[in-house]
Amino acid sequence: MGLPEAPPSSLLYVLLHRLVGLPSEEAARLVGLGTPPSLVEGEPPSLALRYSLPDWLADHFSRELGPAAEDFCAHLNVPGPITLRVNPLRTTREALAERLRSEGVETRPGALSPLALHVVGPRPNLYGLDSLREGLFEVQDEGSQLLGLLVEARPGETVLDLCAGAGGKTLQLGAAMEDRGRLLAYDVDAERLDRLMQRCSRAGLSHVQVLRAPPEGVLADRVLVDAPCSELGSLRRGPDLRFRIDPSVLVELPRVQRDILERARRLVRPGGRLVYATCTLNRAENEDVVLGFLRDAPEFRPVAPGAGWLDPSCVRDGFLFCAPHPHGTDGFFAAVLERVDG
């Protein structure tokens, strides 16, 4: 697991001696050790030990990121920011910042998403704010906001959120559509969608339709596939997550993701757009899935993500890629595909 085995008494000794500051002999006596154990000095020799990661996961990040793995792993041990997404149906980013200031919450604008505000200072009780109850904002990582923006949903269109989860991006798509058109939300885990209609009402959305069965016969202008993934991009959100991931998911999930893309393939109208996204750093789930799909789906072609508005630093090999170390976001990948056949 990256960390050497040690008896509890030795670990307690280190706590008392190094962190509490007790003399070595007293700390050893208190934990029942005859003599103070020898401690290894200097920086831990491996990436896994330096950043408290399972060995396999540290090796994976080294393969994925090369020299940047050190910086990325360091960021996994720093809590991510609290980021808000303004609801443009209710207010503007500038007006929201002023309203939050009046409620005792300081913010600063995000650099990547025009909808983002980062909370500055102590973590507030956002769920106790009237501004949230009034639907002025949602809590959403800035990188996650970019995924919704890449869909470029427009008023009057038919838009499908095929892996909607709890519906956070559904709300973002609905606001982009100005609550005009047809917005469909489906997830294989129907319970995750149970609160969506309540959230829609708060956000000022009336045209969202929750699907309780897989969509069939739909031809959408825009389809978002925020696919189930290994979630390696959001490990900083839960310190224990890194130790609960089974490495087998890195090779098992791509089959699931390809199946979902094949389903989405039939739901995009000619001239429409398909956005495939994950919150992981694993080429097998990201680039490899998309390139395999394109080989089997000649009616689709990749297009540059966010042309004209997306920060170029968020584009890697023609796909969206953002991460904690260069951007301050969680780790996200996205491919923008357009159906070009008639």
C-alpha atoms as a PDB file:
ATOM      1  CA  MET A   1       0.000   0.000   0.000  1.00  0.00           C
ATOM      2  CA  GLY A   2       2.965   2.329  -0.131  1.00  0.00           C
ATOM      3  CA  LEU A   3       3.304   2.561   3.661  1.00  0.00           C
ATOM      4  CA  PRO A   4       5.540   0.111   5.584  1.00  0.00           C
ATOM      5  CA  GLU A   5       3.974  -2.038   8.270  1.00  0.00           C
ATOM      6  CA  ALA A   6       4.773  -0.904  11.815  1.00  0.00           C
ATOM      7  CA  PRO A   7       3.462  -1.998  15.222  1.00  0.00           C
ATOM      8  CA  PRO A   8       0.979   0.396  16.826  1.00  0.00           C
ATOM      9  CA  SER A   9       3.407   1.153  19.655  1.00  0.00           C
ATOM     10  CA  SER A  10       6.001   2.445  17.204  1.00  0.00           C
ATOM     11  CA  LEU A  11       3.451   4.614  15.417  1.00  0.00           C
ATOM     12  CA  LEU A  12       2.272   6.038  18.737  1.00  0.00           C
ATOM     13  CA  TYR A  13       5.905   6.699  19.683  1.00  0.00           C
ATOM     14  CA  VAL A  14       6.394   8.749  16.506  1.00  0.00           C
ATOM     15  CA  LEU A  15       3.226  10.726  17.282  1.00  0.00           C
ATOM     16  CA  LEU A  16       4.328  11.534  20.831  1.00  0.00           C
ATOM     17  CA  HIS A  17       7.931  12.274  19.970  1.00  0.00           C
ATOM     18  CA  ARG A  18       7.725  14.047  16.609  1.00  0.00           C
ATOM     19  CA  LEU A  19       4.318  15.722  16.764  1.00  0.00           C
ATOM     20  CA  VAL A  20       3.689  16.233  20.506  1.00  0.00           C
ATOM     21  CA  GLY A  21       7.379  16.919  21.219  1.00  0.00           C
ATOM     22  CA  LEU A  22       8.004  14.562  24.125  1.00  0.00           C
ATOM     23  CA  PRO A  23      11.634  13.518  24.715  1.00  0.00           C
ATOM     24  CA  SER A  24      12.413  10.215  23.014  1.00  0.00           C
ATOM     25  CA  GLU A  25      12.954   8.289  26.273  1.00  0.00           C
ATOM     26  CA  GLU A  26       9.679   9.502  27.802  1.00  0.00           C
ATOM     27  CA  ALA A  27       7.716   8.770  24.632  1.00  0.00           C
ATOM     28  CA  ALA A  28       9.183   5.243  24.482  1.00  0.00           C
ATOM     29  CA  ARG A  29       8.311   4.628  28.128  1.00  0.00           C
ATOM     30  CA  LEU A  30       4.716   5.779  27.704  1.00  0.00           C
ATOM     31  CA  VAL A  31       4.062   3.389  24.805  1.00  0.00           C
ATOM     32  CA  GLY A  32       5.816   0.435  26.438  1.00  0.00           C
ATOM     33  CA  LEU A  33       9.010   0.360  24.377  1.00  0.00           C
ATOM     34  CA  GLY A  34      12.229  -0.487  26.162  1.00  0.00           C
ATOM     35  CA  THR A  35      14.374   1.843  24.073  1.00  0.00           C
ATOM     36  CA  PRO A  36      13.460   4.535  21.548  1.00  0.00           C
ATOM     37  CA  PRO A  37      13.268   3.000  18.053  1.00  0.00           C
ATOM     38  CA  SER A  38      15.495   4.294  15.277  1.00  0.00           C
ATOM     39  CA  LEU A  39      13.716   6.625  12.876  1.00  0.00           C
ATOM     40  CA  VAL A  40      14.580   7.009   9.218  1.00  0.00           C
ATOM     41  CA  GLU A  41      15.577  10.580   8.464  1.00  0.00           C
ATOM     42  CA  GLY A  42      15.240  12.519   5.242  1.00  0.00           C
ATOM     43  CA  GLU A  43      12.662  12.540   2.462  1.00  0.00           C
ATOM     44  CA  PRO A  44      10.811   9.280   1.766  1.00  0.00           C
ATOM     45  CA  PRO A  45      12.399   7.544  -1.197  1.00  0.00           C
ATOM     46  CA  SER A  46       9.301   6.842  -3.318  1.00  0.00           C
ATOM     47  CA  LEU A  47       6.373   8.796  -4.700  1.00  0.00           C
ATOM     48  CA  ALA A  48       4.007   6.477  -2.831  1.00  0.00           C
ATOM     49  CA  LEU A  49       5.630   7.172   0.534  1.00  0.00           C
ATOM     50  CA  ARG A  50       6.028  10.905  -0.034  1.00  0.00           C
ATOM     51  CA  TYR A  51       2.329  11.439  -0.692  1.00  0.00           C
ATOM     52  CA  SER A  52       0.688   8.502   1.117  1.00  0.00           C
ATOM     53  CA  LEU A  53      -0.471   6.570  -1.922  1.00  0.00           C
ATOM     54  CA  PRO A  54      -0.801   2.873  -2.702  1.00  0.00           C
ATOM     55  CA  ASP A  55       2.217   1.740  -4.710  1.00  0.00           C
ATOM     56  CA  TRP A  56       0.130   0.791  -7.746  1.00  0.00           C
ATOM     57  CA  LEU A  57      -1.558   4.198  -7.800  1.00  0.00           C
ATOM     58  CA  ALA A  58       1.725   6.114  -7.534  1.00  0.00           C
ATOM     59  CA  ASP A  59       3.089   4.003 -10.396  1.00  0.00           C
ATOM     60  CA  HIS A  60      -0.031   4.730 -12.432  1.00  0.00           C
ATOM     61  CA  PHE A  61       0.313   8.498 -12.009  1.00  0.00           C
ATOM     62  CA  SER A  62       3.986   8.287 -12.952  1.00  0.00           C
ATOM     63  CA  ARG A  63       3.051   6.560 -16.205  1.00  0.00           C
ATOM     64  CA  GLU A  64       0.206   8.958 -16.933  1.00  0.00           C
ATOM     65  CA  LEU A  65       1.904  12.233 -16.071  1.00  0.00           C
ATOM     66  CA  GLY A  66       5.644  11.627 -16.253  1.00  0.00           C
ATOM     67  CA  PRO A  67       7.639  14.367 -14.491  1.00  0.00           C
ATOM     68  CA  ALA A  68       4.408  16.188 -13.562  1.00  0.00           C
ATOM     69  CA  ALA A  69       3.316  13.279 -11.340  1.00  0.00           C
ATOM     70  CA  GLU A  70       5.187  14.717  -8.348  1.00  0.00           C
ATOM     71  CA  ASP A  71       3.328  18.017  -8.544  1.00  0.00           C
ATOM     72  CA  PHE A  72      -0.022  16.320  -9.131  1.00  0.00           C
ATOM     73  CA  CYS A  73       0.384  13.948  -6.180  1.00  0.00           C
ATOM     74  CA  ALA A  74       1.396  16.826  -3.913  1.00  0.00           C
ATOM     75  CA  HIS A  75      -1.883  18.551  -4.773  1.00  0.00           C
ATOM     76  CA  LEU A  76      -3.853  15.454  -3.786  1.00  0.00           C
ATOM     77  CA  ASN A  77      -2.908  16.161  -0.155  1.00  0.00           C
ATOM     78  CA  VAL A  78      -4.252  19.735  -0.248  1.00  0.00           C
ATOM     79  CA  PRO A  79      -8.035  20.245   0.105  1.00  0.00           C
ATOM     80  CA  GLY A  80      -9.687  21.460  -3.069  1.00  0.00           C
ATOM     81  CA  PRO A  81     -11.375  24.856  -3.134  1.00  0.00           C
ATOM     82  CA  ILE A  82     -15.090  25.397  -2.664  1.00  0.00           C
ATOM     83  CA  THR A  83     -16.303  26.557  -6.059  1.00  0.00           C
ATOM     84  CA  LEU A  84     -19.748  27.869  -6.911  1.00  0.00           C
ATOM     85  CA  ARG A  85     -21.506  28.015 -10.276  1.00  0.00           C
ATOM     86  CA  VAL A  86     -23.741  31.028 -10.741  1.00  0.00           C
ATOM     87  CA  ASN A  87     -27.226  30.346 -12.068  1.00  0.00           C
ATOM     88  CA  PRO A  88     -27.603  32.851 -14.937  1.00  0.00           C
ATOM     89  CA  LEU A  89     -31.380  32.363 -14.909  1.00  0.00           C
ATOM     90  CA  ARG A  90     -31.439  34.028 -11.491  1.00  0.00           C
ATOM     91  CA  THR A  91     -28.494  36.432 -11.359  1.00  0.00           C
ATOM     92  CA  THR A  92     -25.046  37.358 -12.696  1.00  0.00           C
ATOM     93  CA  ARG A  93     -21.659  36.365 -11.347  1.00  0.00           C
ATOM     94  CA  GLU A  94     -20.967  39.926 -10.225  1.00  0.00           C
ATOM     95  CA  ALA A  95     -24.340  40.296  -8.505  1.00  0.00           C
ATOM     96  CA  LEU A  96     -23.912  36.912  -6.840  1.00  0.00           C
ATOM     97  CA  ALA A  97     -20.523  37.930  -5.467  1.00  0.00           C
ATOM     98  CA  GLU A  98     -22.100  41.036  -3.919  1.00  0.00           C
ATOM     99  CA  ARG A  99     -24.989  39.051  -2.493  1.00  0.00           C
ATOM    100  CA  LEU A 100     -22.642  36.490  -0.949  1.00  0.00           C
ATOM    101  CA  ARG A 101     -20.529  39.287   0.535  1.00  0.00           C
ATOM    102  CA  SER A 102     -23.668  40.621   2.232  1.00  0.00           C
ATOM    103  CA  GLU A 103     -24.148  37.114   3.674  1.00  0.00           C
ATOM    104  CA  GLY A 104     -20.587  37.034   4.991  1.00  0.00           C
ATOM    105  CA  VAL A 105     -18.989  34.945   2.218  1.00  0.00           C
ATOM    106  CA  GLU A 106     -16.052  36.374   0.267  1.00  0.00           C
ATOM    107  CA  THR A 107     -15.373  35.038  -3.223  1.00  0.00           C
ATOM    108  CA  ARG A 108     -13.166  35.611  -6.237  1.00  0.00           C
ATOM    109  CA  PRO A 109     -13.977  34.901  -9.903  1.00  0.00           C
ATOM    110  CA  GLY A 110     -12.764  31.690 -11.499  1.00  0.00           C
ATOM    111  CA  ALA A 111     -10.176  31.987 -14.251  1.00  0.00           C
ATOM    112  CA  LEU A 112     -11.462  29.202 -16.527  1.00  0.00           C
ATOM    113  CA  SER A 113     -15.264  29.220 -16.306  1.00  0.00           C
ATOM    114  CA  PRO A 114     -17.258  32.459 -16.675  1.00  0.00           C
ATOM    115  CA  LEU A 115     -19.754  30.975 -14.225  1.00  0.00           C
ATOM    116  CA  ALA A 116     -17.315  30.193 -11.401  1.00  0.00           C
ATOM    117  CA  LEU A 117     -16.751  31.863  -8.037  1.00  0.00           C
ATOM    118  CA  HIS A 118     -14.199  30.482  -5.567  1.00  0.00           C
ATOM    119  CA  VAL A 119     -14.926  30.892  -1.858  1.00  0.00           C
ATOM    120  CA  VAL A 120     -12.133  32.789  -0.107  1.00  0.00           C
ATOM    121  CA  GLY A 121     -11.296  32.264   3.547  1.00  0.00           C
ATOM    122  CA  PRO A 122     -12.943  29.926   6.076  1.00  0.00           C
ATOM    123  CA  ARG A 123     -15.346  27.320   4.750  1.00  0.00           C
ATOM    124  CA  PRO A 124     -18.868  28.689   5.263  1.00  0.00           C
ATOM    125  CA  ASN A 125     -22.132  26.835   5.795  1.00  0.00           C
ATOM    126  CA  LEU A 126     -23.350  27.367   2.250  1.00  0.00           C
ATOM    127  CA  TYR A 127     -26.484  25.301   2.804  1.00  0.00           C
ATOM    128  CA  GLY A 128     -27.632  27.786   5.400  1.00  0.00           C
ATOM    129  CA  LEU A 129     -27.581  30.711   2.957  1.00  0.00           C
ATOM    130  CA  ASP A 130     -30.744  32.264   1.558  1.00  0.00           C
ATOM    131  CA  SER A 131     -28.928  32.783  -1.753  1.00  0.00           C
ATOM    132  CA  LEU A 132     -28.636  29.005  -2.187  1.00  0.00           C
ATOM    133  CA  ARG A 133     -32.261  28.413  -1.192  1.00  0.00           C
ATOM    134  CA  GLU A 134     -33.230  31.009  -3.798  1.00  0.00           C
ATOM    135  CA  GLY A 135     -31.395  29.065  -6.494  1.00  0.00           C
ATOM    136  CA  LEU A 136     -28.735  31.687  -7.205  1.00  0.00           C
ATOM    137  CA  PHE A 137     -25.909  29.142  -7.315  1.00  0.00           C
ATOM    138  CA  GLU A 138     -24.860  25.514  -7.078  1.00  0.00           C
ATOM    139  CA  VAL A 139     -21.650  24.060  -5.647  1.00  0.00           C
ATOM    140  CA  GLN A 140     -19.636  22.729  -8.593  1.00  0.00           C
ATOM    141  CA  ASP A 141     -15.908  22.390  -9.282  1.00  0.00           C
ATOM    142  CA  GLU A 142     -14.651  24.768 -11.976  1.00  0.00           C
ATOM    143  CA  GLY A 143     -13.388  21.870 -14.098  1.00  0.00           C
ATOM    144  CA  SER A 144     -16.795  20.227 -13.909  1.00  0.00           C
ATOM    145  CA  GLN A 145     -18.337  23.470 -15.133  1.00  0.00           C
ATOM    146  CA  LEU A 146     -16.144  23.295 -18.223  1.00  0.00           C
ATOM    147  CA  LEU A 147     -17.710  19.953 -19.149  1.00  0.00           C
ATOM    148  CA  GLY A 148     -21.169  21.509 -19.218  1.00  0.00           C
ATOM    149  CA  LEU A 149     -19.916  24.495 -21.185  1.00  0.00           C
ATOM    150  CA  LEU A 150     -18.417  22.228 -23.854  1.00  0.00           C
ATOM    151  CA  VAL A 151     -21.900  20.926 -24.685  1.00  0.00           C
ATOM    152  CA  GLU A 152     -22.780  24.477 -25.850  1.00  0.00           C
ATOM    153  CA  ALA A 153     -26.481  23.808 -25.273  1.00  0.00           C
ATOM    154  CA  ARG A 154     -28.750  26.423 -26.833  1.00  0.00           C
ATOM    155  CA  PRO A 155     -32.335  27.576 -26.247  1.00  0.00           C
ATOM    156  CA  GLY A 156     -34.929  25.532 -28.123  1.00  0.00           C
ATOM    157  CA  GLU A 157     -32.752  22.453 -28.651  1.00  0.00           C
ATOM    158  CA  THR A 158     -33.239  18.878 -27.510  1.00  0.00           C
ATOM    159  CA  VAL A 159     -30.448  18.050 -25.052  1.00  0.00           C
ATOM    160  CA  LEU A 160     -29.819  14.722 -23.301  1.00  0.00           C
ATOM    161  CA  ASP A 161     -27.763  14.249 -20.135  1.00  0.00           C
ATOM    162  CA  LEU A 162     -27.262  10.503 -20.436  1.00  0.00           C
ATOM    163  CA  CYS A 163     -25.354   9.891 -17.168  1.00  0.00           C
ATOM    164  CA  ALA A 164     -26.993  12.623 -15.134  1.00  0.00           C
ATOM    165  CA  GLY A 165     -26.165  11.363 -11.641  1.00  0.00           C
ATOM    166  CA  ALA A 166     -27.628  13.800  -9.124  1.00  0.00           C
ATOM    167  CA  GLY A 167     -28.279  16.305 -11.910  1.00  0.00           C
ATOM    168  CA  GLY A 168     -25.724  19.042 -11.281  1.00  0.00           C
ATOM    169  CA  LYS A 169     -24.759  19.334 -14.940  1.00  0.00           C
ATOM    170  CA  THR A 170     -28.405  18.960 -15.956  1.00  0.00           C
ATOM    171  CA  LEU A 171     -29.086  22.200 -14.096  1.00  0.00           C
ATOM    172  CA  GLN A 172     -26.165  23.863 -15.865  1.00  0.00           C
ATOM    173  CA  LEU A 173     -27.430  22.723 -19.272  1.00  0.00           C
ATOM    174  CA  GLY A 174     -30.931  23.960 -18.474  1.00  0.00           C
ATOM    175  CA  ALA A 175     -29.645  27.410 -17.585  1.00  0.00           C
ATOM    176  CA  ALA A 176     -27.648  27.535 -20.840  1.00  0.00           C
ATOM    177  CA  MET A 177     -30.877  26.694 -22.691  1.00  0.00           C
ATOM    178  CA  GLU A 178     -32.636  29.567 -20.877  1.00  0.00           C
ATOM    179  CA  ASP A 179     -35.316  27.057 -19.861  1.00  0.00           C
ATOM    180  CA  ARG A 180     -36.443  26.745 -23.492  1.00  0.00           C
ATOM    181  CA  GLY A 181     -36.405  23.484 -25.404  1.00  0.00           C
ATOM    182  CA  ARG A 182     -36.378  19.863 -24.284  1.00  0.00           C
ATOM    183  CA  LEU A 183     -33.896  18.712 -21.627  1.00  0.00           C
ATOM    184  CA  LEU A 184     -33.814  15.002 -20.806  1.00  0.00           C
ATOM    185  CA  ALA A 185     -31.983  13.532 -17.811  1.00  0.00           C
ATOM    186  CA  TYR A 186     -31.291   9.806 -17.419  1.00  0.00           C
ATOM    187  CA  ASP A 187     -29.138   7.749 -15.082  1.00  0.00           C
ATOM    188  CA  VAL A 188     -28.990   4.011 -14.586  1.00  0.00           C
ATOM    189  CA  ASP A 189     -29.195   4.692 -10.824  1.00  0.00           C
ATOM    190  CA  ALA A 190     -32.660   6.244 -10.715  1.00  0.00           C
ATOM    191  CA  GLU A 191     -32.422   7.062  -7.005  1.00  0.00           C
ATOM    192  CA  ARG A 192     -29.690   9.601  -7.733  1.00  0.00           C
ATOM    193  CA  LEU A 193     -32.195  11.591  -9.786  1.00  0.00           C
ATOM    194  CA  ASP A 194     -34.910  11.662  -7.132  1.00  0.00           C
ATOM    195  CA  ARG A 195     -34.058  15.157  -5.917  1.00  0.00           C
ATOM    196  CA  LEU A 196     -33.513  16.650  -9.360  1.00  0.00           C
ATOM    197  CA  MET A 197     -37.021  18.019  -9.866  1.00  0.00           C
ATOM    198  CA  GLN A 198     -36.849  19.785  -6.501  1.00  0.00           C
ATOM    199  CA  ARG A 199     -33.510  21.311  -7.509  1.00  0.00           C
ATOM    200  CA  CYS A 200     -34.963  22.305 -10.898  1.00  0.00           C
ATOM    201  CA  SER A 201     -37.780  24.219  -9.235  1.00  0.00           C
ATOM    202  CA  ARG A 202     -35.291  26.076  -7.049  1.00  0.00           C
ATOM    203  CA  ALA A 203     -33.161  26.905 -10.100  1.00  0.00           C
ATOM    204  CA  GLY A 204     -36.088  28.207 -12.166  1.00  0.00           C
ATOM    205  CA  LEU A 205     -36.206  25.288 -14.620  1.00  0.00           C
ATOM    206  CA  SER A 206     -39.531  23.889 -15.806  1.00  0.00           C
ATOM    207  CA  HIS A 207     -38.620  22.014 -19.004  1.00  0.00           C
ATOM    208  CA  VAL A 208     -36.505  19.188 -17.521  1.00  0.00           C
ATOM    209  CA  GLN A 209     -37.821  15.651 -18.045  1.00  0.00           C
ATOM    210  CA  VAL A 210     -36.427  12.871 -15.850  1.00  0.00           C
ATOM    211  CA  LEU A 211     -36.327   9.543 -17.684  1.00  0.00           C
ATOM    212  CA  ARG A 212     -36.944   6.406 -15.648  1.00  0.00           C
ATOM    213  CA  ALA A 213     -35.988   4.078 -18.520  1.00  0.00           C
ATOM    214  CA  PRO A 214     -33.102   4.242 -21.016  1.00  0.00           C
ATOM    215  CA  PRO A 215     -33.919   6.688 -23.828  1.00  0.00           C
ATOM    216  CA  GLU A 216     -34.960   5.073 -27.088  1.00  0.00           C
ATOM    217  CA  GLY A 217     -35.917   6.730 -30.336  1.00  0.00           C
ATOM    218  CA  VAL A 218     -34.596  10.131 -29.216  1.00  0.00           C
ATOM    219  CA  LEU A 219     -32.601  12.267 -31.628  1.00  0.00           C
ATOM    220  CA  ALA A 220     -30.938  14.997 -29.592  1.00  0.00           C
ATOM    221  CA  ASP A 221     -29.042  18.057 -30.731  1.00  0.00           C
ATOM    222  CA  ARG A 222     -26.596  17.609 -27.849  1.00  0.00           C
ATOM    223  CA  VAL A 223     -25.761  14.565 -25.744  1.00  0.00           C
ATOM    224  CA  LEU A 224     -23.535  14.686 -22.664  1.00  0.00           C
ATOM    225  CA  VAL A 225     -21.980  11.424 -21.465  1.00  0.00           C
ATOM    226  CA  ASP A 226     -20.346  12.156 -18.102  1.00  0.00           C
ATOM    227  CA  ALA A 227     -19.330   8.524 -17.852  1.00  0.00           C
ATOM    228  CA  PRO A 228     -18.876   6.439 -14.711  1.00  0.00           C
ATOM    229  CA  CYS A 229     -15.130   6.239 -14.149  1.00  0.00           C
ATOM    230  CA  SER A 230     -12.392   5.482 -11.633  1.00  0.00           C
ATOM    231  CA  GLU A 231     -12.608   9.097 -10.300  1.00  0.00           C
ATOM    232  CA  LEU A 232      -8.857   9.505  -9.923  1.00  0.00           C
ATOM    233  CA  GLY A 233      -9.219  13.206 -10.688  1.00  0.00           C
ATOM    234  CA  SER A 234     -11.152  13.931  -7.496  1.00  0.00           C
ATOM    235  CA  LEU A 235      -9.031  12.076  -4.928  1.00  0.00           C
ATOM    236  CA  ARG A 236      -8.256  15.282  -3.022  1.00  0.00           C
ATOM    237  CA  ARG A 237     -11.947  15.475  -2.078  1.00  0.00           C
ATOM    238  CA  GLY A 238     -11.630  12.425   0.202  1.00  0.00           C
ATOM    239  CA  PRO A 239      -8.298  11.425   1.787  1.00  0.00           C
ATOM    240  CA  ASP A 240      -9.353   7.786   2.164  1.00  0.00           C
ATOM    241  CA  LEU A 241     -10.552   7.296  -1.423  1.00  0.00           C
ATOM    242  CA  ARG A 242      -7.091   6.404  -2.697  1.00  0.00           C
ATOM    243  CA  PHE A 243      -7.008   3.348  -0.432  1.00  0.00           C
ATOM    244  CA  ARG A 244     -10.483   2.118  -1.373  1.00  0.00           C
ATOM    245  CA  ILE A 245     -10.016   1.977  -5.152  1.00  0.00           C
ATOM    246  CA  ASP A 246      -9.579  -1.465  -6.646  1.00  0.00           C
ATOM    247  CA  PRO A 247      -6.949  -1.230  -9.400  1.00  0.00           C
ATOM    248  CA  SER A 248      -8.980  -3.650 -11.527  1.00  0.00           C
ATOM    249  CA  VAL A 249     -11.497  -0.873 -12.303  1.00  0.00           C
ATOM    250  CA  LEU A 250      -8.911   0.858 -14.490  1.00  0.00           C
ATOM    251  CA  VAL A 251      -9.133  -1.973 -17.005  1.00  0.00           C
ATOM    252  CA  GLU A 252     -12.770  -2.982 -16.430  1.00  0.00           C
ATOM    253  CA  LEU A 253     -14.439   0.424 -16.812  1.00  0.00           C
ATOM    254  CA  PRO A 254     -13.431   1.123 -20.442  1.00  0.00           C
ATOM    255  CA  ARG A 255     -15.770  -1.664 -21.602  1.00  0.00           C
ATOM    256  CA  VAL A 256     -18.647  -0.041 -19.731  1.00  0.00           C
ATOM    257  CA  GLN A 257     -17.740   3.375 -21.123  1.00  0.00           C
ATOM    258  CA  ARG A 258     -17.622   2.082 -24.713  1.00  0.00           C
ATOM    259  CA  ASP A 259     -21.053   0.494 -24.252  1.00  0.00           C
ATOM    260  CA  ILE A 260     -22.470   3.830 -23.067  1.00  0.00           C
ATOM    261  CA  LEU A 261     -20.919   5.654 -26.019  1.00  0.00           C
ATOM    262  CA  GLU A 262     -22.433   3.113 -28.402  1.00  0.00           C
ATOM    263  CA  ARG A 263     -25.826   3.819 -26.863  1.00  0.00           C
ATOM    264  CA  ALA A 264     -25.249   7.559 -27.161  1.00  0.00           C
ATOM    265  CA  ARG A 265     -24.181   7.141 -30.798  1.00  0.00           C
ATOM    266  CA  ARG A 266     -27.766   6.280 -31.783  1.00  0.00           C
ATOM    267  CA  LEU A 267     -29.207   9.290 -29.949  1.00  0.00           C
ATOM    268  CA  VAL A 268     -27.352  12.146 -31.690  1.00  0.00           C
ATOM    269  CA  ARG A 269     -29.008  13.694 -34.714  1.00  0.00           C
ATOM    270  CA  PRO A 270     -26.964  14.410 -37.870  1.00  0.00           C
ATOM    271  CA  GLY A 271     -25.101  17.642 -37.237  1.00  0.00           C
ATOM    272  CA  GLY A 272     -25.434  17.161 -33.495  1.00  0.00           C
ATOM    273  CA  ARG A 273     -22.791  17.078 -30.773  1.00  0.00           C
ATOM    274  CA  LEU A 274     -21.674  14.343 -28.382  1.00  0.00           C
ATOM    275  CA  VAL A 275     -19.477  15.220 -25.386  1.00  0.00           C
ATOM    276  CA  TYR A 276     -17.740  12.347 -23.610  1.00  0.00           C
ATOM    277  CA  ALA A 277     -16.271  13.229 -20.217  1.00  0.00           C
ATOM    278  CA  THR A 278     -14.706  11.641 -17.138  1.00  0.00           C
ATOM    279  CA  CYS A 279     -13.194  12.812 -13.865  1.00  0.00           C
ATOM    280  CA  THR A 280     -10.183  10.525 -14.051  1.00  0.00           C
ATOM    281  CA  LEU A 281      -6.550  10.475 -15.179  1.00  0.00           C
ATOM    282  CA  ASN A 282      -6.356   7.205 -17.059  1.00  0.00           C
ATOM    283  CA  ARG A 283      -5.779   7.116 -20.810  1.00  0.00           C
ATOM    284  CA  ALA A 284      -7.476   3.734 -21.014  1.00  0.00           C
ATOM    285  CA  GLU A 285     -10.720   5.398 -19.859  1.00  0.00           C
ATOM    286  CA  ASN A 286     -10.157   8.630 -21.747  1.00  0.00           C
ATOM    287  CA  GLU A 287      -8.242   8.898 -25.013  1.00  0.00           C
ATOM    288  CA  ASP A 288      -8.305   5.154 -25.722  1.00  0.00           C
ATOM    289  CA  VAL A 289     -12.086   4.945 -25.302  1.00  0.00           C
ATOM    290  CA  VAL A 290     -12.668   7.921 -27.596  1.00  0.00           C
ATOM    291  CA  LEU A 291     -10.228   6.800 -30.300  1.00  0.00           C
ATOM    292  CA  GLY A 292     -11.709   3.290 -30.275  1.00  0.00           C
ATOM    293  CA  PHE A 293     -15.191   4.762 -30.612  1.00  0.00           C
ATOM    294  CA  LEU A 294     -14.139   6.957 -33.547  1.00  0.00           C
ATOM    295  CA  ARG A 295     -12.686   3.947 -35.376  1.00  0.00           C
ATOM    296  CA  ASP A 296     -16.068   2.213 -35.167  1.00  0.00           C
ATOM    297  CA  ALA A 297     -18.236   5.320 -35.676  1.00  0.00           C
ATOM    298  CA  PRO A 298     -17.079   7.041 -38.893  1.00  0.00           C
ATOM    299  CA  GLU A 299     -20.074   9.370 -38.794  1.00  0.00           C
ATOM    300  CA  PHE A 300     -18.433  11.213 -35.883  1.00  0.00           C
ATOM    301  CA  ARG A 301     -15.376  13.452 -35.942  1.00  0.00           C
ATOM    302  CA  PRO A 302     -13.528  15.172 -33.098  1.00  0.00           C
ATOM    303  CA  VAL A 303     -13.634  18.963 -32.926  1.00  0.00           C
ATOM    304  CA  ALA A 304     -11.489  21.378 -30.950  1.00  0.00           C
ATOM    305  CA  PRO A 305     -12.956  21.790 -27.455  1.00  0.00           C
ATOM    306  CA  GLY A 306     -14.165  25.259 -26.514  1.00  0.00           C
ATOM    307  CA  ALA A 307     -12.885  27.021 -29.636  1.00  0.00           C
ATOM    308  CA  GLY A 308     -12.714  30.743 -28.931  1.00  0.00           C
ATOM    309  CA  TRP A 309     -13.329  30.610 -25.189  1.00  0.00           C
ATOM    310  CA  LEU A 310     -11.475  27.720 -23.517  1.00  0.00           C
ATOM    311  CA  ASP A 311      -8.045  28.511 -22.041  1.00  0.00           C
ATOM    312  CA  PRO A 312      -5.479  26.787 -24.333  1.00  0.00           C
ATOM    313  CA  SER A 313      -3.728  25.346 -21.279  1.00  0.00           C
ATOM    314  CA  CYS A 314      -6.799  23.106 -20.825  1.00  0.00           C
ATOM    315  CA  VAL A 315      -6.306  21.407 -24.208  1.00  0.00           C
ATOM    316  CA  ARG A 316      -4.054  18.359 -24.564  1.00  0.00           C
ATOM    317  CA  ASP A 317      -3.820  16.397 -27.826  1.00  0.00           C
ATOM    318  CA  GLY A 318      -7.131  17.835 -28.999  1.00  0.00           C
ATOM    319  CA  PHE A 319      -9.059  16.985 -25.823  1.00  0.00           C
ATOM    320  CA  LEU A 320      -9.942  18.899 -22.679  1.00  0.00           C
ATOM    321  CA  PHE A 321      -7.607  18.079 -19.829  1.00  0.00           C
ATOM    322  CA  CYS A 322      -7.524  19.971 -16.542  1.00  0.00           C
ATOM    323  CA  ALA A 323      -6.062  19.000 -13.200  1.00  0.00           C
ATOM    324  CA  PRO A 324      -5.163  20.383  -9.750  1.00  0.00           C
ATOM    325  CA  HIS A 325      -1.490  21.121 -10.415  1.00  0.00           C
ATOM    326  CA  PRO A 326      -1.795  23.437 -13.469  1.00  0.00           C
ATOM    327  CA  HIS A 327      -5.384  24.676 -13.081  1.00  0.00           C
ATOM    328  CA  GLY A 328      -6.558  24.324  -9.472  1.00  0.00           C
ATOM    329  CA  THR A 329      -9.478  22.154 -10.583  1.00  0.00           C
ATOM    330  CA  ASP A 330     -10.166  18.497  -9.996  1.00  0.00           C
ATOM    331  CA  GLY A 331      -8.898  16.285 -12.796  1.00  0.00           C
ATOM    332  CA  PHE A 332     -11.186  16.115 -15.848  1.00  0.00           C
ATOM    333  CA  PHE A 333     -11.062  14.852 -19.430  1.00  0.00           C
ATOM    334  CA  ALA A 334     -13.508  15.548 -22.244  1.00  0.00           C
ATOM    335  CA  ALA A 335     -13.801  14.924 -25.959  1.00  0.00           C
ATOM    336  CA  VAL A 336     -16.128  16.930 -28.207  1.00  0.00           C
ATOM    337  CA  LEU A 337     -17.467  14.879 -31.133  1.00  0.00           C
ATOM    338  CA  GLU A 338     -19.822  15.967 -33.887  1.00  0.00           C
ATOM    339  CA  ARG A 339     -21.953  13.772 -36.099  1.00  0.00           C
ATOM    340  CA  VAL A 340     -21.225  14.800 -39.677  1.00  0.00           C
ATOM    341  CA  ASP A 341     -23.258  12.389 -41.814  1.00  0.00           C
ATOM    342  CA  GLY A 342     -26.462  13.491 -43.463  1.00  0.00           C
END
